[in-house]
Amino acid sequence: MTKNIVLIGMPGCGKTTFGQALAHALHRPFIDADVYLEQREKRTIPSLFAESETVFRDAEERTIRELSQQEGIIIATGGGVVKRDINIQRLHKKGLIIFIDRKAEDIITDVEVEKRPLLKNGPDQVFTLYKERISLYRRAADRTLENRGSLEEVMARLLAMVEG
């Protein structure tokens, strides 16, 4: 079995960027769980959130159930995937979970928060979410990658982490 590599972390921490680069470097398929979810559900994430966060989290759980059954893929999860233990349990079965840790102050200078449903209330929400989720990310992760330095430096550390 080729283990999946699962990237978790805050919105804007680099999951998609590093996931795509890692998939290219390792010649593996890359799946952005949020894109997959929207295709699977035939709805946008904002429309699911407009109904309720529970409706979105239920859709996310269905998505993770499907993705976690595959092998050899790189998965960039949604930032709140850690809010339900069942998601992490499923992802652990066939995956190595890496927490991409990026400081909240770096995220707010780099991310268009109005395009993210849970960040639409402004930059302070990034700090609030980080405080709420940091322990969940750390508990879920097999390894932690600090997103500090250049893209090349962080990518080199990530490759060493998954190949080592």
Protein backbone atom coordinates (compact mmCIF):
# COMPACT_ATOMS: atom_id res chain seq x y z
CA MET A 1 0.00 0.00 0.00
CA THR A 2 1.24 3.47 -0.90
CA LYS A 3 0.17 5.76 1.90
CA ASN A 4 -1.75 8.91 1.14
CA ILE A 5 -0.15 12.18 2.16
CA VAL A 6 -2.74 14.37 3.85
CA LEU A 7 -2.12 18.07 4.39
CA ILE A 8 -4.06 19.82 7.15
CA GLY A 9 -3.92 23.37 8.47
CA MET A 10 -5.52 26.78 8.49
CA PRO A 11 -7.07 28.31 5.38
CA GLY A 12 -4.20 30.04 3.59
CA CYS A 13 -1.42 27.99 5.20
CA GLY A 14 -0.27 26.50 1.88
CA LYS A 15 -2.00 23.13 1.69
CA THR A 16 -2.96 23.43 -1.98
CA THR A 17 0.30 25.08 -3.07
CA PHE A 18 2.50 22.49 -1.37
CA GLY A 19 0.13 19.63 -2.20
CA GLN A 20 0.34 20.38 -5.93
CA ALA A 21 4.13 20.76 -5.80
CA LEU A 22 4.50 17.55 -3.79
CA ALA A 23 2.26 15.62 -6.20
CA HIS A 24 4.37 16.85 -9.11
CA ALA A 25 7.65 15.93 -7.36
CA LEU A 26 6.42 12.46 -6.35
CA HIS A 27 4.41 11.77 -9.55
CA ARG A 28 1.22 11.20 -7.60
CA PRO A 29 -2.34 12.44 -8.06
CA PHE A 30 -3.32 15.59 -6.17
CA ILE A 31 -6.82 16.16 -4.83
CA ASP A 32 -8.04 19.38 -3.25
CA ALA A 33 -10.76 18.11 -0.92
CA ASP A 34 -12.77 21.34 -1.21
CA VAL A 35 -12.84 21.16 -5.03
CA TYR A 36 -13.71 17.45 -4.83
CA LEU A 37 -16.49 18.24 -2.33
CA GLU A 38 -18.06 20.87 -4.60
CA GLN A 39 -17.99 18.49 -7.58
CA ARG A 40 -19.34 15.61 -5.49
CA GLU A 41 -22.14 17.65 -3.90
CA LYS A 42 -22.88 19.72 -7.04
CA ARG A 43 -22.93 22.78 -4.77
CA THR A 44 -20.48 25.46 -3.75
CA ILE A 45 -19.01 25.59 -0.28
CA PRO A 46 -20.51 29.06 0.36
CA SER A 47 -23.97 27.71 -0.56
CA LEU A 48 -23.55 24.82 1.89
CA PHE A 49 -22.40 27.22 4.62
CA ALA A 50 -25.35 29.52 3.82
CA GLU A 51 -27.61 26.67 4.87
CA SER A 52 -25.52 25.94 7.98
CA GLU A 53 -22.03 24.91 9.03
CA THR A 54 -23.44 21.48 9.95
CA VAL A 55 -24.68 20.96 6.39
CA PHE A 56 -21.18 21.78 5.12
CA ARG A 57 -19.42 19.57 7.73
CA ASP A 58 -21.71 16.64 6.80
CA ALA A 59 -20.74 17.07 3.13
CA GLU A 60 -17.08 17.32 4.15
CA GLU A 61 -17.39 14.09 6.14
CA ARG A 62 -18.84 12.27 3.11
CA THR A 63 -15.99 13.60 0.99
CA ILE A 64 -13.31 12.51 3.46
CA ARG A 65 -14.89 9.06 3.71
CA GLU A 66 -14.47 8.64 -0.07
CA LEU A 67 -11.00 10.16 -0.33
CA SER A 68 -9.61 8.21 2.62
CA GLN A 69 -10.41 4.93 0.88
CA GLN A 70 -8.02 5.70 -1.98
CA GLU A 71 -4.28 4.98 -1.96
CA GLY A 72 -1.22 6.89 -3.08
CA ILE A 73 -2.81 10.31 -3.40
CA ILE A 74 -1.91 13.71 -2.01
CA ILE A 75 -4.89 15.37 -0.30
CA ALA A 76 -5.20 19.02 0.67
CA THR A 77 -8.04 19.12 3.17
CA GLY A 78 -10.30 21.97 4.15
CA GLY A 79 -9.10 23.91 7.17
CA GLY A 80 -11.87 22.64 9.44
CA VAL A 81 -11.51 18.94 8.66
CA VAL A 82 -10.10 18.47 12.19
CA LYS A 83 -13.38 19.55 13.75
CA ARG A 84 -14.74 16.02 13.41
CA ASP A 85 -12.67 13.19 14.87
CA ILE A 86 -14.11 10.69 12.40
CA ASN A 87 -12.42 12.55 9.54
CA ILE A 88 -9.00 12.26 11.18
CA GLN A 89 -9.55 8.59 12.05
CA ARG A 90 -10.40 7.81 8.43
CA LEU A 91 -7.48 9.83 7.04
CA HIS A 92 -5.03 8.11 9.43
CA LYS A 93 -5.96 4.61 8.22
CA LYS A 94 -4.18 4.99 4.89
CA GLY A 95 -2.43 8.30 5.30
CA LEU A 96 0.41 10.29 6.74
CA ILE A 97 -1.06 13.52 8.12
CA ILE A 98 1.13 16.60 7.93
CA PHE A 99 0.11 19.83 9.64
CA ILE A 100 1.32 22.87 7.71
CA ASP A 101 1.74 25.41 10.48
CA ARG A 102 1.75 29.02 9.33
CA LYS A 103 1.48 31.97 11.68
CA ALA A 104 -1.90 33.69 11.64
CA GLU A 105 -0.26 37.06 11.01
CA ASP A 106 1.38 35.66 7.85
CA ILE A 107 -1.94 34.27 6.64
CA ILE A 108 -3.80 37.57 6.97
CA THR A 109 -1.19 39.44 4.94
CA ASP A 110 -1.40 36.88 2.14
CA VAL A 111 -4.97 35.55 1.90
CA GLU A 112 -8.09 37.15 0.46
CA VAL A 113 -10.20 36.53 3.55
CA GLU A 114 -13.44 37.65 1.92
CA LYS A 115 -13.27 34.61 -0.40
CA ARG A 116 -13.19 32.18 2.54
CA PRO A 117 -16.56 31.52 4.22
CA LEU A 118 -15.21 31.22 7.76
CA LEU A 119 -12.92 34.24 7.36
CA LYS A 120 -15.46 36.63 5.84
CA ASN A 121 -15.82 38.49 9.14
CA GLY A 122 -12.33 39.93 8.71
CA PRO A 123 -8.71 39.30 9.64
CA ASP A 124 -9.36 38.95 13.37
CA GLN A 125 -11.28 35.77 12.57
CA VAL A 126 -7.99 34.18 11.42
CA PHE A 127 -6.54 34.63 14.92
CA THR A 128 -9.73 33.29 16.51
CA LEU A 129 -9.79 30.19 14.29
CA TYR A 130 -6.07 29.57 14.84
CA LYS A 131 -6.56 29.62 18.61
CA GLU A 132 -9.60 27.33 18.34
CA ARG A 133 -7.93 24.81 16.04
CA ILE A 134 -4.20 24.74 16.85
CA SER A 135 -4.51 21.94 19.41
CA LEU A 136 -6.72 19.93 17.02
CA TYR A 137 -4.15 20.24 14.23
CA ARG A 138 -1.29 19.24 16.51
CA ARG A 139 -3.19 16.26 17.89
CA ALA A 140 -4.20 15.04 14.41
CA ALA A 141 -0.78 15.41 12.78
CA ASP A 142 1.83 12.71 12.40
CA ARG A 143 4.29 15.46 11.48
CA THR A 144 4.35 19.25 11.54
CA LEU A 145 5.86 21.42 8.82
CA GLU A 146 6.48 25.06 9.66
CA ASN A 147 5.63 27.23 6.67
CA ARG A 148 8.45 29.73 7.20
CA GLY A 149 11.04 30.71 4.63
CA SER A 150 10.91 30.62 0.85
CA LEU A 151 8.67 28.28 -1.10
CA GLU A 152 11.74 26.27 -2.10
CA GLU A 153 13.00 25.97 1.48
CA VAL A 154 9.64 24.80 2.82
CA MET A 155 9.19 22.41 -0.10
CA ALA A 156 12.63 20.89 0.53
CA ARG A 157 11.68 20.28 4.18
CA LEU A 158 8.37 18.75 3.11
CA LEU A 159 10.04 16.38 0.65
CA ALA A 160 12.57 15.32 3.28
CA MET A 161 9.70 14.73 5.69
CA VAL A 162 7.74 12.42 3.40
CA GLU A 163 10.75 10.60 1.94
CA GLY A 164 12.53 10.13 5.25
